[in-house]
Amino acid sequence: MSTDLFHGSCHCGAVRFQVRTAVTPAGRCNCSLCRRKGALMTPAFDAGELTITQGEDALTLYQFNTRVAKHYFCRHCGIYPFHQTRRDPNQWRVNIGCLDGVDPYALEASVADGASLSVMEDA
């Protein structure tokens, strides 16, 4: 899997970051949160490949169910730029729609069965 250095941001620009990752194979998840946000995600990458260059204080954290995964949102515009994964907290994924110069609509995507990871019946 080939990786490149990308720059990205939320919609309002308060949160800016750079990440070294591949964009393919891109993926979606069918868990209750991902179904609603509809983001196309990069493959997982090591936590050290993501650097927040501006606006860490503008990020807000959302966790649900097991509270292992950490989903970050801009508190100003509400855009979801990245998350720490549940399967491996040392792995992260970025919302491809937040990457400069990458068209998420030009990429094929698979769907991960995140819904089966639910451990709480009502989650």
PDB file of N, CA and C in Angstrom:
ATOM      1  N   MET A   1       0.859  -1.176   0.000  1.00  0.00           N
ATOM      2  CA  MET A   1       0.000   0.000   0.000  1.00  0.00           C
ATOM      3  C   MET A   1       0.903   1.236   0.000  1.00  0.00           C
ATOM      4  N   SER A   2       0.776   2.070  -0.982  1.00  0.00           N
ATOM      5  CA  SER A   2       1.580   3.269  -1.111  1.00  0.00           C
ATOM      6  C   SER A   2       1.009   4.397  -0.257  1.00  0.00           C
ATOM      7  N   THR A   3       1.890   5.113   0.441  1.00  0.00           N
ATOM      8  CA  THR A   3       1.439   6.227   1.270  1.00  0.00           C
ATOM      9  C   THR A   3       2.012   7.535   0.742  1.00  0.00           C
ATOM     10  N   ASP A   4       1.255   8.599   0.946  1.00  0.00           N
ATOM     11  CA  ASP A   4       1.675   9.942   0.571  1.00  0.00           C
ATOM     12  C   ASP A   4       1.398  10.880   1.736  1.00  0.00           C
ATOM     13  N   LEU A   5       2.027  12.047   1.729  1.00  0.00           N
ATOM     14  CA  LEU A   5       1.764  13.062   2.734  1.00  0.00           C
ATOM     15  C   LEU A   5       0.635  13.954   2.229  1.00  0.00           C
ATOM     16  N   PHE A   6      -0.444  14.029   2.995  1.00  0.00           N
ATOM     17  CA  PHE A   6      -1.595  14.858   2.651  1.00  0.00           C
ATOM     18  C   PHE A   6      -1.791  15.928   3.708  1.00  0.00           C
ATOM     19  N   HIS A   7      -2.354  17.040   3.275  1.00  0.00           N
ATOM     20  CA  HIS A   7      -2.790  18.090   4.195  1.00  0.00           C
ATOM     21  C   HIS A   7      -4.307  18.074   4.167  1.00  0.00           C
ATOM     22  N   GLY A   8      -4.902  18.388   5.306  1.00  0.00           N
ATOM     23  CA  GLY A   8      -6.351  18.379   5.375  1.00  0.00           C
ATOM     24  C   GLY A   8      -6.867  19.348   6.410  1.00  0.00           C
ATOM     25  N   SER A   9      -8.191  19.513   6.411  1.00  0.00           N
ATOM     26  CA  SER A   9      -8.819  20.428   7.368  1.00  0.00           C
ATOM     27  C   SER A   9     -10.300  20.107   7.483  1.00  0.00           C
ATOM     28  N   CYS A  10     -10.892  20.684   8.517  1.00  0.00           N
ATOM     29  CA  CYS A  10     -12.350  20.655   8.635  1.00  0.00           C
ATOM     30  C   CYS A  10     -12.918  21.667   7.637  1.00  0.00           C
ATOM     31  N   HIS A  11     -14.212  21.864   7.615  1.00  0.00           N
ATOM     32  CA  HIS A  11     -14.833  22.777   6.658  1.00  0.00           C
ATOM     33  C   HIS A  11     -14.457  24.238   6.900  1.00  0.00           C
ATOM     34  N   CYS A  12     -14.466  24.678   8.155  1.00  0.00           N
ATOM     35  CA  CYS A  12     -14.207  26.094   8.456  1.00  0.00           C
ATOM     36  C   CYS A  12     -12.719  26.424   8.536  1.00  0.00           C
ATOM     37  N   GLY A  13     -11.858  25.403   8.553  1.00  0.00           N
ATOM     38  CA  GLY A  13     -10.415  25.625   8.596  1.00  0.00           C
ATOM     39  C   GLY A  13      -9.838  25.801   9.989  1.00  0.00           C
ATOM     40  N   ALA A  14     -10.671  25.702  11.013  1.00  0.00           N
ATOM     41  CA  ALA A  14     -10.159  25.836  12.380  1.00  0.00           C
ATOM     42  C   ALA A  14      -9.221  24.690  12.732  1.00  0.00           C
ATOM     43  N   VAL A  15      -9.517  23.492  12.219  1.00  0.00           N
ATOM     44  CA  VAL A  15      -8.673  22.316  12.455  1.00  0.00           C
ATOM     45  C   VAL A  15      -7.927  21.998  11.164  1.00  0.00           C
ATOM     46  N   ARG A  16      -6.613  21.946  11.278  1.00  0.00           N
ATOM     47  CA  ARG A  16      -5.774  21.586  10.132  1.00  0.00           C
ATOM     48  C   ARG A  16      -4.820  20.482  10.577  1.00  0.00           C
ATOM     49  N   PHE A  17      -4.508  19.601   9.639  1.00  0.00           N
ATOM     50  CA  PHE A  17      -3.640  18.477   9.971  1.00  0.00           C
ATOM     51  C   PHE A  17      -2.875  18.025   8.747  1.00  0.00           C
ATOM     52  N   GLN A  18      -1.863  17.201   8.987  1.00  0.00           N
ATOM     53  CA  GLN A  18      -1.186  16.506   7.902  1.00  0.00           C
ATOM     54  C   GLN A  18      -1.107  15.044   8.294  1.00  0.00           C
ATOM     55  N   VAL A  19      -1.121  14.194   7.278  1.00  0.00           N
ATOM     56  CA  VAL A  19      -1.145  12.759   7.529  1.00  0.00           C
ATOM     57  C   VAL A  19      -0.412  12.036   6.412  1.00  0.00           C
ATOM     58  N   ARG A  20       0.333  11.025   6.787  1.00  0.00           N
ATOM     59  CA  ARG A  20       0.968  10.152   5.800  1.00  0.00           C
ATOM     60  C   ARG A  20       0.148   8.867   5.780  1.00  0.00           C
ATOM     61  N   THR A  21      -0.552   8.661   4.668  1.00  0.00           N
ATOM     62  CA  THR A  21      -1.440   7.509   4.539  1.00  0.00           C
ATOM     63  C   THR A  21      -1.675   7.185   3.076  1.00  0.00           C
ATOM     64  N   ALA A  22      -2.243   6.040   2.849  1.00  0.00           N
ATOM     65  CA  ALA A  22      -2.786   5.704   1.534  1.00  0.00           C
ATOM     66  C   ALA A  22      -4.238   6.188   1.522  1.00  0.00           C
ATOM     67  N   VAL A  23      -4.814   6.364   0.358  1.00  0.00           N
ATOM     68  CA  VAL A  23      -6.251   6.673   0.285  1.00  0.00           C
ATOM     69  C   VAL A  23      -7.038   5.462  -0.199  1.00  0.00           C
ATOM     70  N   THR A  24      -6.328   4.475  -0.737  1.00  0.00           N
ATOM     71  CA  THR A  24      -7.006   3.248  -1.151  1.00  0.00           C
ATOM     72  C   THR A  24      -6.325   2.063  -0.476  1.00  0.00           C
ATOM     73  N   PRO A  25      -7.041   1.050  -0.110  1.00  0.00           N
ATOM     74  CA  PRO A  25      -8.477   0.912  -0.337  1.00  0.00           C
ATOM     75  C   PRO A  25      -9.287   1.765   0.635  1.00  0.00           C
ATOM     76  N   ALA A  26     -10.120   2.616   0.077  1.00  0.00           N
ATOM     77  CA  ALA A  26     -11.010   3.463   0.876  1.00  0.00           C
ATOM     78  C   ALA A  26     -12.132   2.600   1.435  1.00  0.00           C
ATOM     79  N   GLY A  27     -12.699   3.033   2.542  1.00  0.00           N
ATOM     80  CA  GLY A  27     -13.753   2.227   3.126  1.00  0.00           C
ATOM     81  C   GLY A  27     -14.804   3.020   3.861  1.00  0.00           C
ATOM     82  N   ARG A  28     -15.940   2.395   4.005  1.00  0.00           N
ATOM     83  CA  ARG A  28     -17.034   2.916   4.816  1.00  0.00           C
ATOM     84  C   ARG A  28     -17.302   1.886   5.899  1.00  0.00           C
ATOM     85  N   CYS A  29     -18.066   2.274   6.892  1.00  0.00           N
ATOM     86  CA  CYS A  29     -18.422   1.375   7.976  1.00  0.00           C
ATOM     87  C   CYS A  29     -19.937   1.426   8.154  1.00  0.00           C
ATOM     88  N   ASN A  30     -20.521   0.294   8.555  1.00  0.00           N
ATOM     89  CA  ASN A  30     -21.968   0.256   8.712  1.00  0.00           C
ATOM     90  C   ASN A  30     -22.418   0.352  10.174  1.00  0.00           C
ATOM     91  N   CYS A  31     -21.527   0.778  11.086  1.00  0.00           N
ATOM     92  CA  CYS A  31     -21.958   0.950  12.478  1.00  0.00           C
ATOM     93  C   CYS A  31     -22.951   2.116  12.545  1.00  0.00           C
ATOM     94  N   SER A  32     -23.611   2.237  13.680  1.00  0.00           N
ATOM     95  CA  SER A  32     -24.669   3.247  13.809  1.00  0.00           C
ATOM     96  C   SER A  32     -24.155   4.669  13.609  1.00  0.00           C
ATOM     97  N   LEU A  33     -22.940   4.986  14.038  1.00  0.00           N
ATOM     98  CA  LEU A  33     -22.390   6.331  13.854  1.00  0.00           C
ATOM     99  C   LEU A  33     -21.981   6.558  12.404  1.00  0.00           C
ATOM    100  N   CYS A  34     -21.223   5.639  11.843  1.00  0.00           N
ATOM    101  CA  CYS A  34     -20.728   5.817  10.475  1.00  0.00           C
ATOM    102  C   CYS A  34     -21.848   5.855   9.443  1.00  0.00           C
ATOM    103  N   ARG A  35     -22.902   5.057   9.655  1.00  0.00           N
ATOM    104  CA  ARG A  35     -24.046   5.117   8.730  1.00  0.00           C
ATOM    105  C   ARG A  35     -24.600   6.528   8.675  1.00  0.00           C
ATOM    106  N   ARG A  36     -24.613   7.217   9.804  1.00  0.00           N
ATOM    107  CA  ARG A  36     -25.192   8.557   9.863  1.00  0.00           C
ATOM    108  C   ARG A  36     -24.251   9.632   9.320  1.00  0.00           C
ATOM    109  N   LYS A  37     -22.956   9.487   9.551  1.00  0.00           N
ATOM    110  CA  LYS A  37     -22.036  10.533   9.087  1.00  0.00           C
ATOM    111  C   LYS A  37     -21.613  10.326   7.640  1.00  0.00           C
ATOM    112  N   GLY A  38     -21.643   9.085   7.140  1.00  0.00           N
ATOM    113  CA  GLY A  38     -21.402   8.819   5.729  1.00  0.00           C
ATOM    114  C   GLY A  38     -20.014   9.128   5.208  1.00  0.00           C
ATOM    115  N   ALA A  39     -19.015   9.164   6.063  1.00  0.00           N
ATOM    116  CA  ALA A  39     -17.668   9.511   5.623  1.00  0.00           C
ATOM    117  C   ALA A  39     -16.988   8.353   4.902  1.00  0.00           C
ATOM    118  N   LEU A  40     -16.182   8.678   3.926  1.00  0.00           N
ATOM    119  CA  LEU A  40     -15.318   7.722   3.250  1.00  0.00           C
ATOM    120  C   LEU A  40     -13.958   7.828   3.931  1.00  0.00           C
ATOM    121  N   MET A  41     -13.449   6.687   4.412  1.00  0.00           N
ATOM    122  CA  MET A  41     -12.259   6.696   5.250  1.00  0.00           C
ATOM    123  C   MET A  41     -11.036   6.120   4.536  1.00  0.00           C
ATOM    124  N   THR A  42      -9.862   6.624   4.946  1.00  0.00           N
ATOM    125  CA  THR A  42      -8.602   6.037   4.490  1.00  0.00           C
ATOM    126  C   THR A  42      -8.440   4.668   5.125  1.00  0.00           C
ATOM    127  N   PRO A  43      -7.510   3.873   4.621  1.00  0.00           N
ATOM    128  CA  PRO A  43      -7.134   2.666   5.363  1.00  0.00           C
ATOM    129  C   PRO A  43      -6.538   3.090   6.715  1.00  0.00           C
ATOM    130  N   ALA A  44      -6.502   2.187   7.658  1.00  0.00           N
ATOM    131  CA  ALA A  44      -5.925   2.488   8.974  1.00  0.00           C
ATOM    132  C   ALA A  44      -4.425   2.749   8.840  1.00  0.00           C
ATOM    133  N   PHE A  45      -3.923   3.642   9.683  1.00  0.00           N
ATOM    134  CA  PHE A  45      -2.495   3.961   9.703  1.00  0.00           C
ATOM    135  C   PHE A  45      -2.064   4.160  11.151  1.00  0.00           C
ATOM    136  N   ASP A  46      -0.761   4.102  11.408  1.00  0.00           N
ATOM    137  CA  ASP A  46      -0.239   4.286  12.759  1.00  0.00           C
ATOM    138  C   ASP A  46      -0.484   5.705  13.252  1.00  0.00           C
ATOM    139  N   ALA A  47      -0.781   5.815  14.537  1.00  0.00           N
ATOM    140  CA  ALA A  47      -1.113   7.099  15.156  1.00  0.00           C
ATOM    141  C   ALA A  47      -0.054   8.171  14.881  1.00  0.00           C
ATOM    142  N   GLY A  48       1.195   7.804  14.835  1.00  0.00           N
ATOM    143  CA  GLY A  48       2.274   8.767  14.622  1.00  0.00           C
ATOM    144  C   GLY A  48       2.292   9.407  13.253  1.00  0.00           C
ATOM    145  N   GLU A  49       1.481   8.909  12.326  1.00  0.00           N
ATOM    146  CA  GLU A  49       1.437   9.464  10.972  1.00  0.00           C
ATOM    147  C   GLU A  49       0.513  10.675  10.865  1.00  0.00           C
ATOM    148  N   LEU A  50      -0.245  10.969  11.915  1.00  0.00           N
ATOM    149  CA  LEU A  50      -1.172  12.107  11.926  1.00  0.00           C
ATOM    150  C   LEU A  50      -0.625  13.204  12.828  1.00  0.00           C
ATOM    151  N   THR A  51      -0.530  14.421  12.289  1.00  0.00           N
ATOM    152  CA  THR A  51      -0.094  15.575  13.067  1.00  0.00           C
ATOM    153  C   THR A  51      -1.133  16.675  12.937  1.00  0.00           C
ATOM    154  N   ILE A  52      -1.660  17.124  14.051  1.00  0.00           N
ATOM    155  CA  ILE A  52      -2.581  18.263  14.046  1.00  0.00           C
ATOM    156  C   ILE A  52      -1.718  19.514  14.029  1.00  0.00           C
ATOM    157  N   THR A  53      -1.830  20.303  12.977  1.00  0.00           N
ATOM    158  CA  THR A  53      -0.976  21.479  12.820  1.00  0.00           C
ATOM    159  C   THR A  53      -1.639  22.760  13.299  1.00  0.00           C
ATOM    160  N   GLN A  54      -2.949  22.721  13.472  1.00  0.00           N
ATOM    161  CA  GLN A  54      -3.677  23.905  13.947  1.00  0.00           C
ATOM    162  C   GLN A  54      -5.021  23.467  14.506  1.00  0.00           C
ATOM    163  N   GLY A  55      -5.440  24.071  15.599  1.00  0.00           N
ATOM    164  CA  GLY A  55      -6.801  23.920  16.087  1.00  0.00           C
ATOM    165  C   GLY A  55      -7.100  22.701  16.933  1.00  0.00           C
ATOM    166  N   GLU A  56      -6.094  22.140  17.589  1.00  0.00           N
ATOM    167  CA  GLU A  56      -6.388  21.001  18.459  1.00  0.00           C
ATOM    168  C   GLU A  56      -7.439  21.370  19.500  1.00  0.00           C
ATOM    169  N   ASP A  57      -7.419  22.628  19.940  1.00  0.00           N
ATOM    170  CA  ASP A  57      -8.403  23.095  20.931  1.00  0.00           C
ATOM    171  C   ASP A  57      -9.805  23.248  20.336  1.00  0.00           C
ATOM    172  N   ALA A  58      -9.930  23.185  19.014  1.00  0.00           N
ATOM    173  CA  ALA A  58     -11.243  23.278  18.366  1.00  0.00           C
ATOM    174  C   ALA A  58     -11.881  21.901  18.184  1.00  0.00           C
ATOM    175  N   LEU A  59     -11.149  20.846  18.534  1.00  0.00           N
ATOM    176  CA  LEU A  59     -11.689  19.493  18.388  1.00  0.00           C
ATOM    177  C   LEU A  59     -12.524  19.106  19.603  1.00  0.00           C
ATOM    178  N   THR A  60     -13.577  18.382  19.341  1.00  0.00           N
ATOM    179  CA  THR A  60     -14.375  17.805  20.409  1.00  0.00           C
ATOM    180  C   THR A  60     -14.432  16.299  20.180  1.00  0.00           C
ATOM    181  N   LEU A  61     -14.499  15.561  21.259  1.00  0.00           N
ATOM    182  CA  LEU A  61     -14.440  14.107  21.207  1.00  0.00           C
ATOM    183  C   LEU A  61     -15.820  13.509  21.409  1.00  0.00           C
ATOM    184  N   TYR A  62     -16.146  12.497  20.600  1.00  0.00           N
ATOM    185  CA  TYR A  62     -17.374  11.744  20.785  1.00  0.00           C
ATOM    186  C   TYR A  62     -17.023  10.261  20.889  1.00  0.00           C
ATOM    187  N   GLN A  63     -17.527   9.613  21.920  1.00  0.00           N
ATOM    188  CA  GLN A  63     -17.347   8.174  22.094  1.00  0.00           C
ATOM    189  C   GLN A  63     -18.692   7.551  22.425  1.00  0.00           C
ATOM    190  N   PHE A  64     -18.885   6.299  22.014  1.00  0.00           N
ATOM    191  CA  PHE A  64     -20.126   5.606  22.330  1.00  0.00           C
ATOM    192  C   PHE A  64     -19.833   4.125  22.510  1.00  0.00           C
ATOM    193  N   ASN A  65     -20.833   3.391  22.928  1.00  0.00           N
ATOM    194  CA  ASN A  65     -20.767   1.946  23.114  1.00  0.00           C
ATOM    195  C   ASN A  65     -19.616   1.580  24.051  1.00  0.00           C
ATOM    196  N   THR A  66     -18.533   0.980  23.572  1.00  0.00           N
ATOM    197  CA  THR A  66     -17.435   0.556  24.443  1.00  0.00           C
ATOM    198  C   THR A  66     -16.522   1.705  24.846  1.00  0.00           C
ATOM    199  N   ARG A  67     -16.662   2.848  24.206  1.00  0.00           N
ATOM    200  CA  ARG A  67     -15.842   4.029  24.460  1.00  0.00           C
ATOM    201  C   ARG A  67     -14.345   3.801  24.202  1.00  0.00           C
ATOM    202  N   VAL A  68     -14.045   2.893  23.288  1.00  0.00           N
ATOM    203  CA  VAL A  68     -12.658   2.659  22.906  1.00  0.00           C
ATOM    204  C   VAL A  68     -12.290   3.554  21.728  1.00  0.00           C
ATOM    205  N   ALA A  69     -13.099   3.540  20.689  1.00  0.00           N
ATOM    206  CA  ALA A  69     -12.837   4.408  19.528  1.00  0.00           C
ATOM    207  C   ALA A  69     -13.042   5.862  19.937  1.00  0.00           C
ATOM    208  N   LYS A  70     -12.245   6.742  19.349  1.00  0.00           N
ATOM    209  CA  LYS A  70     -12.347   8.177  19.637  1.00  0.00           C
ATOM    210  C   LYS A  70     -12.622   8.902  18.326  1.00  0.00           C
ATOM    211  N   HIS A  71     -13.800   9.471  18.220  1.00  0.00           N
ATOM    212  CA  HIS A  71     -14.229  10.189  17.022  1.00  0.00           C
ATOM    213  C   HIS A  71     -14.120  11.686  17.301  1.00  0.00           C
ATOM    214  N   TYR A  72     -13.375  12.388  16.465  1.00  0.00           N
ATOM    215  CA  TYR A  72     -13.140  13.815  16.680  1.00  0.00           C
ATOM    216  C   TYR A  72     -13.919  14.655  15.672  1.00  0.00           C
ATOM    217  N   PHE A  73     -14.467  15.755  16.150  1.00  0.00           N
ATOM    218  CA  PHE A  73     -15.254  16.686  15.346  1.00  0.00           C
ATOM    219  C   PHE A  73     -14.786  18.104  15.618  1.00  0.00           C
ATOM    220  N   CYS A  74     -14.891  18.984  14.635  1.00  0.00           N
ATOM    221  CA  CYS A  74     -14.628  20.403  14.855  1.00  0.00           C
ATOM    222  C   CYS A  74     -15.818  20.989  15.607  1.00  0.00           C
ATOM    223  N   ARG A  75     -15.576  21.661  16.715  1.00  0.00           N
ATOM    224  CA  ARG A  75     -16.671  22.224  17.509  1.00  0.00           C
ATOM    225  C   ARG A  75     -17.291  23.452  16.850  1.00  0.00           C
ATOM    226  N   HIS A  76     -16.677  23.976  15.805  1.00  0.00           N
ATOM    227  CA  HIS A  76     -17.218  25.148  15.101  1.00  0.00           C
ATOM    228  C   HIS A  76     -18.119  24.751  13.931  1.00  0.00           C
ATOM    229  N   CYS A  77     -17.614  23.882  13.048  1.00  0.00           N
ATOM    230  CA  CYS A  77     -18.391  23.536  11.845  1.00  0.00           C
ATOM    231  C   CYS A  77     -18.997  22.139  11.899  1.00  0.00           C
ATOM    232  N   GLY A  78     -18.595  21.321  12.871  1.00  0.00           N
ATOM    233  CA  GLY A  78     -19.171  19.997  13.034  1.00  0.00           C
ATOM    234  C   GLY A  78     -18.593  18.911  12.150  1.00  0.00           C
ATOM    235  N   ILE A  79     -17.595  19.238  11.348  1.00  0.00           N
ATOM    236  CA  ILE A  79     -17.028  18.241  10.441  1.00  0.00           C
ATOM    237  C   ILE A  79     -16.149  17.254  11.201  1.00  0.00           C
ATOM    238  N   TYR A  80     -16.221  16.002  10.771  1.00  0.00           N
ATOM    239  CA  TYR A  80     -15.500  14.881  11.352  1.00  0.00           C
ATOM    240  C   TYR A  80     -14.246  14.610  10.524  1.00  0.00           C
ATOM    241  N   PRO A  81     -13.043  14.991  11.001  1.00  0.00           N
ATOM    242  CA  PRO A  81     -11.844  14.781  10.194  1.00  0.00           C
ATOM    243  C   PRO A  81     -11.149  13.428  10.384  1.00  0.00           C
ATOM    244  N   PHE A  82     -11.218  12.835  11.586  1.00  0.00           N
ATOM    245  CA  PHE A  82     -10.476  11.596  11.822  1.00  0.00           C
ATOM    246  C   PHE A  82     -10.955  10.911  13.097  1.00  0.00           C
ATOM    247  N   HIS A  83     -10.526   9.639  13.239  1.00  0.00           N
ATOM    248  CA  HIS A  83     -10.832   8.909  14.465  1.00  0.00           C
ATOM    249  C   HIS A  83      -9.762   7.873  14.782  1.00  0.00           C
ATOM    250  N   GLN A  84      -9.684   7.554  16.061  1.00  0.00           N
ATOM    251  CA  GLN A  84      -8.858   6.460  16.557  1.00  0.00           C
ATOM    252  C   GLN A  84      -9.738   5.218  16.505  1.00  0.00           C
ATOM    253  N   THR A  85      -9.231   4.115  15.990  1.00  0.00           N
ATOM    254  CA  THR A  85     -10.078   2.948  15.766  1.00  0.00           C
ATOM    255  C   THR A  85     -10.345   2.142  17.029  1.00  0.00           C
ATOM    256  N   ARG A  86     -11.412   1.388  16.979  1.00  0.00           N
ATOM    257  CA  ARG A  86     -11.763   0.514  18.097  1.00  0.00           C
ATOM    258  C   ARG A  86     -10.958  -0.782  18.061  1.00  0.00           C
ATOM    259  N   ARG A  87     -10.745  -1.322  16.883  1.00  0.00           N
ATOM    260  CA  ARG A  87     -10.019  -2.599  16.781  1.00  0.00           C
ATOM    261  C   ARG A  87      -8.591  -2.485  17.293  1.00  0.00           C
ATOM    262  N   ASP A  88      -7.958  -1.342  17.073  1.00  0.00           N
ATOM    263  CA  ASP A  88      -6.582  -1.129  17.530  1.00  0.00           C
ATOM    264  C   ASP A  88      -6.414   0.356  17.826  1.00  0.00           C
ATOM    265  N   PRO A  89      -6.396   0.756  19.091  1.00  0.00           N
ATOM    266  CA  PRO A  89      -6.284   2.178  19.447  1.00  0.00           C
ATOM    267  C   PRO A  89      -5.007   2.853  18.950  1.00  0.00           C
ATOM    268  N   ASN A  90      -4.019   2.085  18.461  1.00  0.00           N
ATOM    269  CA  ASN A  90      -2.821   2.680  17.869  1.00  0.00           C
ATOM    270  C   ASN A  90      -3.015   2.984  16.392  1.00  0.00           C
ATOM    271  N   GLN A  91      -4.177   2.655  15.858  1.00  0.00           N
ATOM    272  CA  GLN A  91      -4.489   2.885  14.450  1.00  0.00           C
ATOM    273  C   GLN A  91      -5.536   3.988  14.319  1.00  0.00           C
ATOM    274  N   TRP A  92      -5.387   4.815  13.319  1.00  0.00           N
ATOM    275  CA  TRP A  92      -6.305   5.920  13.048  1.00  0.00           C
ATOM    276  C   TRP A  92      -6.768   5.833  11.604  1.00  0.00           C
ATOM    277  N   ARG A  93      -7.844   6.546  11.296  1.00  0.00           N
ATOM    278  CA  ARG A  93      -8.345   6.689   9.923  1.00  0.00           C
ATOM    279  C   ARG A  93      -8.776   8.141   9.739  1.00  0.00           C
ATOM    280  N   VAL A  94      -8.631   8.649   8.526  1.00  0.00           N
ATOM    281  CA  VAL A  94      -8.987  10.031   8.193  1.00  0.00           C
ATOM    282  C   VAL A  94     -10.156  10.041   7.222  1.00  0.00           C
ATOM    283  N   ASN A  95     -11.032  11.009   7.390  1.00  0.00           N
ATOM    284  CA  ASN A  95     -12.133  11.266   6.470  1.00  0.00           C
ATOM    285  C   ASN A  95     -11.528  11.795   5.165  1.00  0.00           C
ATOM    286  N   ILE A  96     -11.609  11.018   4.105  1.00  0.00           N
ATOM    287  CA  ILE A  96     -10.994  11.394   2.827  1.00  0.00           C
ATOM    288  C   ILE A  96     -11.543  12.723   2.303  1.00  0.00           C
ATOM    289  N   GLY A  97     -12.788  13.032   2.609  1.00  0.00           N
ATOM    290  CA  GLY A  97     -13.371  14.307   2.182  1.00  0.00           C
ATOM    291  C   GLY A  97     -12.689  15.518   2.781  1.00  0.00           C
ATOM    292  N   CYS A  98     -11.881  15.330   3.820  1.00  0.00           N
ATOM    293  CA  CYS A  98     -11.154  16.434   4.455  1.00  0.00           C
ATOM    294  C   CYS A  98      -9.752  16.621   3.893  1.00  0.00           C
ATOM    295  N   LEU A  99      -9.317  15.749   2.984  1.00  0.00           N
ATOM    296  CA  LEU A  99      -7.970  15.837   2.428  1.00  0.00           C
ATOM    297  C   LEU A  99      -7.932  16.772   1.226  1.00  0.00           C
ATOM    298  N   ASP A 100      -6.989  17.696   1.233  1.00  0.00           N
ATOM    299  CA  ASP A 100      -6.823  18.631   0.117  1.00  0.00           C
ATOM    300  C   ASP A 100      -6.463  17.872  -1.160  1.00  0.00           C
ATOM    301  N   GLY A 101      -7.153  18.182  -2.250  1.00  0.00           N
ATOM    302  CA  GLY A 101      -6.809  17.637  -3.558  1.00  0.00           C
ATOM    303  C   GLY A 101      -7.244  16.205  -3.819  1.00  0.00           C
ATOM    304  N   VAL A 102      -8.065  15.622  -2.934  1.00  0.00           N
ATOM    305  CA  VAL A 102      -8.524  14.254  -3.144  1.00  0.00           C
ATOM    306  C   VAL A 102     -10.037  14.271  -3.338  1.00  0.00           C
ATOM    307  N   ASP A 103     -10.502  13.668  -4.422  1.00  0.00           N
ATOM    308  CA  ASP A 103     -11.933  13.600  -4.704  1.00  0.00           C
ATOM    309  C   ASP A 103     -12.483  12.276  -4.188  1.00  0.00           C
ATOM    310  N   PRO A 104     -13.218  12.288  -3.071  1.00  0.00           N
ATOM    311  CA  PRO A 104     -13.727  11.032  -2.523  1.00  0.00           C
ATOM    312  C   PRO A 104     -14.726  10.336  -3.449  1.00  0.00           C
ATOM    313  N   TYR A 105     -15.340  11.077  -4.356  1.00  0.00           N
ATOM    314  CA  TYR A 105     -16.322  10.486  -5.265  1.00  0.00           C
ATOM    315  C   TYR A 105     -15.669   9.724  -6.410  1.00  0.00           C
ATOM    316  N   ALA A 106     -14.357   9.869  -6.567  1.00  0.00           N
ATOM    317  CA  ALA A 106     -13.636   9.174  -7.631  1.00  0.00           C
ATOM    318  C   ALA A 106     -13.078   7.831  -7.163  1.00  0.00           C
ATOM    319  N   LEU A 107     -13.304   7.486  -5.886  1.00  0.00           N
ATOM    320  CA  LEU A 107     -12.723   6.274  -5.313  1.00  0.00           C
ATOM    321  C   LEU A 107     -13.758   5.170  -5.122  1.00  0.00           C
ATOM    322  N   GLU A 108     -13.364   3.941  -5.396  1.00  0.00           N
ATOM    323  CA  GLU A 108     -14.182   2.776  -5.055  1.00  0.00           C
ATOM    324  C   GLU A 108     -14.074   2.565  -3.554  1.00  0.00           C
ATOM    325  N   ALA A 109     -15.108   2.032  -2.931  1.00  0.00           N
ATOM    326  CA  ALA A 109     -15.064   1.829  -1.483  1.00  0.00           C
ATOM    327  C   ALA A 109     -15.740   0.528  -1.083  1.00  0.00           C
ATOM    328  N   SER A 110     -15.153  -0.128  -0.110  1.00  0.00           N
ATOM    329  CA  SER A 110     -15.767  -1.311   0.489  1.00  0.00           C
ATOM    330  C   SER A 110     -16.509  -0.867   1.753  1.00  0.00           C
ATOM    331  N   VAL A 111     -17.294  -1.765   2.328  1.00  0.00           N
ATOM    332  CA  VAL A 111     -18.021  -1.461   3.565  1.00  0.00           C
ATOM    333  C   VAL A 111     -17.604  -2.465   4.627  1.00  0.00           C
ATOM    334  N   ALA A 112     -17.066  -1.958   5.743  1.00  0.00           N
ATOM    335  CA  ALA A 112     -16.684  -2.798   6.874  1.00  0.00           C
ATOM    336  C   ALA A 112     -17.902  -3.053   7.750  1.00  0.00           C
ATOM    337  N   ASP A 113     -17.964  -4.223   8.340  1.00  0.00           N
ATOM    338  CA  ASP A 113     -19.098  -4.578   9.184  1.00  0.00           C
ATOM    339  C   ASP A 113     -18.873  -4.146  10.624  1.00  0.00           C
ATOM    340  N   GLY A 114     -18.804  -2.846  10.853  1.00  0.00           N
ATOM    341  CA  GLY A 114     -18.637  -2.303  12.204  1.00  0.00           C
ATOM    342  C   GLY A 114     -19.837  -2.567  13.087  1.00  0.00           C
ATOM    343  N   ALA A 115     -21.001  -2.767  12.496  1.00  0.00           N
ATOM    344  CA  ALA A 115     -22.207  -3.026  13.281  1.00  0.00           C
ATOM    345  C   ALA A 115     -22.050  -4.313  14.089  1.00  0.00           C
ATOM    346  N   SER A 116     -21.299  -5.275  13.591  1.00  0.00           N
ATOM    347  CA  SER A 116     -21.133  -6.530  14.313  1.00  0.00           C
ATOM    348  C   SER A 116     -20.188  -6.400  15.505  1.00  0.00           C
ATOM    349  N   LEU A 117     -19.492  -5.275  15.619  1.00  0.00           N
ATOM    350  CA  LEU A 117     -18.610  -5.039  16.760  1.00  0.00           C
ATOM    351  C   LEU A 117     -19.375  -4.584  17.990  1.00  0.00           C
ATOM    352  N   SER A 118     -20.640  -4.232  17.830  1.00  0.00           N
ATOM    353  CA  SER A 118     -21.415  -3.734  18.948  1.00  0.00           C
ATOM    354  C   SER A 118     -21.511  -4.783  20.052  1.00  0.00           C
ATOM    355  N   VAL A 119     -21.225  -4.354  21.272  1.00  0.00           N
ATOM    356  CA  VAL A 119     -21.332  -5.274  22.401  1.00  0.00           C
ATOM    357  C   VAL A 119     -22.538  -4.969  23.271  1.00  0.00           C
ATOM    358  N   MET A 120     -23.167  -3.855  23.005  1.00  0.00           N
ATOM    359  CA  MET A 120     -24.349  -3.471  23.770  1.00  0.00           C
ATOM    360  C   MET A 120     -25.556  -3.563  22.860  1.00  0.00           C
ATOM    361  N   GLU A 121     -26.574  -4.246  23.292  1.00  0.00           N
ATOM    362  CA  GLU A 121     -27.755  -4.483  22.452  1.00  0.00           C
ATOM    363  C   GLU A 121     -28.403  -3.200  21.966  1.00  0.00           C
ATOM    364  N   ASP A 122     -28.425  -2.156  22.769  1.00  0.00           N
ATOM    365  CA  ASP A 122     -29.123  -0.918  22.410  1.00  0.00           C
ATOM    366  C   ASP A 122     -28.180   0.157  21.899  1.00  0.00           C
ATOM    367  N   ALA A 123     -26.950  -0.172  21.555  1.00  0.00           N
ATOM    368  CA  ALA A 123     -25.989   0.843  21.133  1.00  0.00           C
ATOM    369  C   ALA A 123     -26.278   1.336  19.742  1.00  0.00           C
TER     370      ALA A 123
END
